[in-house]
């Protein structure tokens, strides 16, 4: 249970960072999704060292961000 609580805390931290760091918003949201998925795994599939791939921020050209969330 402690592992799930830790993963939920990490997920929450990532979501907060996504709001406070708009230039890395998508990176932090991807990390939050990774922790959420790990926390939702059944106990027998989850381990102390999850082998989920690291999510890396892609390089985007500088300029106006034209992506929309709506």
N, C-alpha and C. Protein backbone atom coordinates (compact mmCIF):
# COMPACT_ATOMS: atom_id res chain seq x y z
N UNK A 1 0.81 -1.20 0.00
CA UNK A 1 0.00 0.00 0.00
C UNK A 1 0.85 1.26 0.00
N UNK A 2 1.99 1.21 0.69
CA UNK A 2 2.87 2.38 0.71
C UNK A 2 3.33 2.77 -0.68
N UNK A 3 3.60 1.78 -1.51
CA UNK A 3 4.07 2.04 -2.87
C UNK A 3 3.00 2.78 -3.67
N UNK A 4 1.74 2.38 -3.51
CA UNK A 4 0.65 3.05 -4.22
C UNK A 4 0.51 4.48 -3.75
N UNK A 5 0.60 4.71 -2.45
CA UNK A 5 0.51 6.08 -1.92
C UNK A 5 1.65 6.94 -2.45
N UNK A 6 2.85 6.36 -2.55
CA UNK A 6 4.00 7.11 -3.06
C UNK A 6 3.80 7.46 -4.53
N UNK A 7 3.27 6.51 -5.31
CA UNK A 7 3.02 6.77 -6.72
C UNK A 7 1.95 7.85 -6.91
N UNK A 8 0.92 7.81 -6.07
CA UNK A 8 -0.13 8.85 -6.15
C UNK A 8 0.44 10.23 -5.80
N UNK A 9 1.34 10.26 -4.83
CA UNK A 9 1.98 11.52 -4.44
C UNK A 9 2.85 12.05 -5.59
N UNK A 10 3.59 11.17 -6.23
CA UNK A 10 4.40 11.57 -7.37
C UNK A 10 3.54 12.07 -8.53
N UNK A 11 2.41 11.39 -8.76
CA UNK A 11 1.49 11.82 -9.80
C UNK A 11 0.97 13.22 -9.52
N UNK A 12 0.57 13.46 -8.29
CA UNK A 12 0.06 14.76 -7.90
C UNK A 12 1.13 15.85 -8.07
N UNK A 13 2.35 15.54 -7.67
CA UNK A 13 3.45 16.49 -7.81
C UNK A 13 3.68 16.83 -9.28
N UNK A 14 3.63 15.83 -10.14
CA UNK A 14 3.83 16.07 -11.57
C UNK A 14 2.73 16.95 -12.15
N UNK A 15 1.50 16.72 -11.72
CA UNK A 15 0.38 17.54 -12.22
C UNK A 15 0.52 19.00 -11.75
N UNK A 16 0.99 19.20 -10.53
CA UNK A 16 1.22 20.56 -10.04
C UNK A 16 2.34 21.23 -10.82
N UNK A 17 3.40 20.48 -11.10
CA UNK A 17 4.51 21.04 -11.87
C UNK A 17 4.07 21.39 -13.29
N UNK A 18 3.15 20.62 -13.86
CA UNK A 18 2.65 20.91 -15.20
C UNK A 18 1.97 22.28 -15.23
N UNK A 19 1.31 22.63 -14.13
CA UNK A 19 0.66 23.93 -14.06
C UNK A 19 1.65 25.06 -13.82
N UNK A 20 2.69 24.79 -13.04
CA UNK A 20 3.62 25.85 -12.70
C UNK A 20 4.76 26.01 -13.72
N UNK A 21 4.96 25.03 -14.59
CA UNK A 21 6.02 25.09 -15.60
C UNK A 21 5.41 24.87 -16.98
N UNK A 22 4.77 25.91 -17.54
CA UNK A 22 4.07 25.73 -18.82
C UNK A 22 4.96 25.27 -19.97
N UNK A 23 6.26 25.61 -19.92
CA UNK A 23 7.15 25.20 -21.01
C UNK A 23 7.42 23.70 -20.99
N UNK A 24 7.19 23.04 -19.87
CA UNK A 24 7.38 21.59 -19.77
C UNK A 24 6.07 20.87 -19.41
N UNK A 25 4.96 21.52 -19.70
CA UNK A 25 3.65 21.00 -19.33
C UNK A 25 3.44 19.56 -19.80
N UNK A 26 3.73 19.28 -21.06
CA UNK A 26 3.44 17.96 -21.61
C UNK A 26 4.35 16.90 -21.03
N UNK A 27 5.58 17.27 -20.70
CA UNK A 27 6.49 16.32 -20.05
C UNK A 27 5.92 15.90 -18.70
N UNK A 28 5.51 16.89 -17.89
CA UNK A 28 5.01 16.58 -16.55
C UNK A 28 3.70 15.82 -16.60
N UNK A 29 2.84 16.13 -17.58
CA UNK A 29 1.58 15.38 -17.71
C UNK A 29 1.85 13.93 -18.11
N UNK A 30 2.85 13.70 -18.95
CA UNK A 30 3.21 12.34 -19.34
C UNK A 30 3.77 11.57 -18.14
N UNK A 31 4.58 12.23 -17.33
CA UNK A 31 5.12 11.58 -16.14
C UNK A 31 3.98 11.24 -15.17
N UNK A 32 3.03 12.17 -15.02
CA UNK A 32 1.88 11.93 -14.13
C UNK A 32 1.09 10.71 -14.61
N UNK A 33 0.89 10.62 -15.92
CA UNK A 33 0.16 9.48 -16.48
C UNK A 33 0.91 8.18 -16.21
N UNK A 34 2.23 8.21 -16.31
CA UNK A 34 3.04 7.01 -16.03
C UNK A 34 2.85 6.55 -14.59
N UNK A 35 2.90 7.50 -13.63
CA UNK A 35 2.72 7.13 -12.23
C UNK A 35 1.29 6.65 -11.96
N UNK A 36 0.32 7.26 -12.63
CA UNK A 36 -1.07 6.83 -12.46
C UNK A 36 -1.26 5.39 -12.93
N UNK A 37 -0.68 5.05 -14.08
CA UNK A 37 -0.78 3.69 -14.61
C UNK A 37 -0.12 2.71 -13.66
N UNK A 38 1.05 3.06 -13.15
CA UNK A 38 1.76 2.17 -12.22
C UNK A 38 0.95 1.95 -10.95
N UNK A 39 0.30 3.02 -10.45
CA UNK A 39 -0.49 2.90 -9.23
C UNK A 39 -1.73 2.04 -9.45
N UNK A 40 -2.23 2.00 -10.68
CA UNK A 40 -3.45 1.24 -10.98
C UNK A 40 -3.17 -0.22 -11.33
N UNK A 41 -1.89 -0.60 -11.46
CA UNK A 41 -1.57 -2.00 -11.77
C UNK A 41 -1.97 -2.89 -10.60
N UNK A 42 -2.42 -4.09 -10.89
CA UNK A 42 -2.69 -5.04 -9.79
C UNK A 42 -1.41 -5.29 -8.99
N UNK A 43 -1.54 -5.62 -7.74
CA UNK A 43 -0.40 -5.78 -6.83
C UNK A 43 0.61 -6.79 -7.36
N UNK A 44 0.17 -7.85 -8.01
CA UNK A 44 1.10 -8.86 -8.50
C UNK A 44 1.92 -8.38 -9.70
N UNK A 45 1.46 -7.35 -10.41
CA UNK A 45 2.20 -6.83 -11.56
C UNK A 45 3.11 -5.68 -11.17
N UNK A 46 2.85 -5.06 -10.04
CA UNK A 46 3.64 -3.91 -9.64
C UNK A 46 4.81 -4.38 -8.80
N UNK A 47 5.97 -3.76 -9.02
CA UNK A 47 7.17 -4.11 -8.28
C UNK A 47 7.77 -2.85 -7.67
N UNK A 48 8.77 -3.03 -6.84
CA UNK A 48 9.40 -1.86 -6.23
C UNK A 48 10.14 -1.03 -7.26
N UNK A 49 10.56 -1.64 -8.36
CA UNK A 49 11.22 -0.91 -9.43
C UNK A 49 10.46 -1.16 -10.73
N UNK A 50 9.43 -0.36 -10.98
CA UNK A 50 8.65 -0.57 -12.20
C UNK A 50 9.52 -0.38 -13.44
N UNK A 51 9.27 -1.18 -14.45
CA UNK A 51 10.07 -1.08 -15.65
C UNK A 51 9.31 -0.37 -16.76
N UNK A 52 8.54 0.63 -16.39
CA UNK A 52 7.88 1.46 -17.38
C UNK A 52 8.93 2.36 -18.01
N UNK A 53 8.81 2.61 -19.30
CA UNK A 53 9.83 3.44 -19.95
C UNK A 53 9.80 4.87 -19.45
N UNK A 54 10.95 5.50 -19.48
CA UNK A 54 11.02 6.90 -19.09
C UNK A 54 10.43 7.73 -20.22
N UNK A 55 9.65 8.72 -19.86
CA UNK A 55 9.04 9.60 -20.85
C UNK A 55 9.96 10.81 -21.00
N UNK A 56 10.33 11.10 -22.24
CA UNK A 56 11.22 12.23 -22.49
C UNK A 56 10.50 13.29 -23.30
N UNK A 57 10.85 14.52 -23.01
CA UNK A 57 10.26 15.66 -23.70
C UNK A 57 10.84 15.76 -25.10
N UNK A 58 9.98 15.82 -26.09
CA UNK A 58 10.43 15.97 -27.47
C UNK A 58 10.88 17.40 -27.72
N UNK A 59 11.75 17.57 -28.67
CA UNK A 59 12.20 18.92 -29.03
C UNK A 59 11.16 19.54 -29.94
N UNK A 60 10.68 20.69 -29.55
CA UNK A 60 9.71 21.43 -30.35
C UNK A 60 10.38 22.70 -30.85
N UNK A 61 10.07 23.11 -32.06
CA UNK A 61 10.65 24.36 -32.55
C UNK A 61 10.15 25.53 -31.71
N UNK A 62 11.02 26.49 -31.54
CA UNK A 62 10.63 27.68 -30.78
C UNK A 62 9.58 28.45 -31.57
N UNK A 63 8.71 29.08 -30.87
CA UNK A 63 7.66 29.85 -31.52
C UNK A 63 6.35 29.65 -30.78
N UNK A 64 5.31 30.15 -31.34
CA UNK A 64 4.01 30.07 -30.72
C UNK A 64 3.51 28.63 -30.70
N UNK A 65 2.96 28.21 -29.58
CA UNK A 65 2.40 26.88 -29.43
C UNK A 65 0.98 26.89 -29.99
N UNK A 66 0.77 26.16 -31.09
CA UNK A 66 -0.52 26.20 -31.76
C UNK A 66 -1.43 25.04 -31.36
N UNK A 67 -0.95 24.18 -30.47
CA UNK A 67 -1.79 23.07 -30.01
C UNK A 67 -2.91 23.58 -29.14
N UNK A 68 -4.05 22.94 -29.19
CA UNK A 68 -5.21 23.34 -28.38
C UNK A 68 -5.65 22.17 -27.52
N UNK A 69 -6.19 22.47 -26.34
CA UNK A 69 -6.69 21.43 -25.45
C UNK A 69 -8.18 21.19 -25.57
N UNK A 70 -8.89 22.08 -26.25
CA UNK A 70 -10.35 21.93 -26.32
C UNK A 70 -10.79 21.11 -27.45
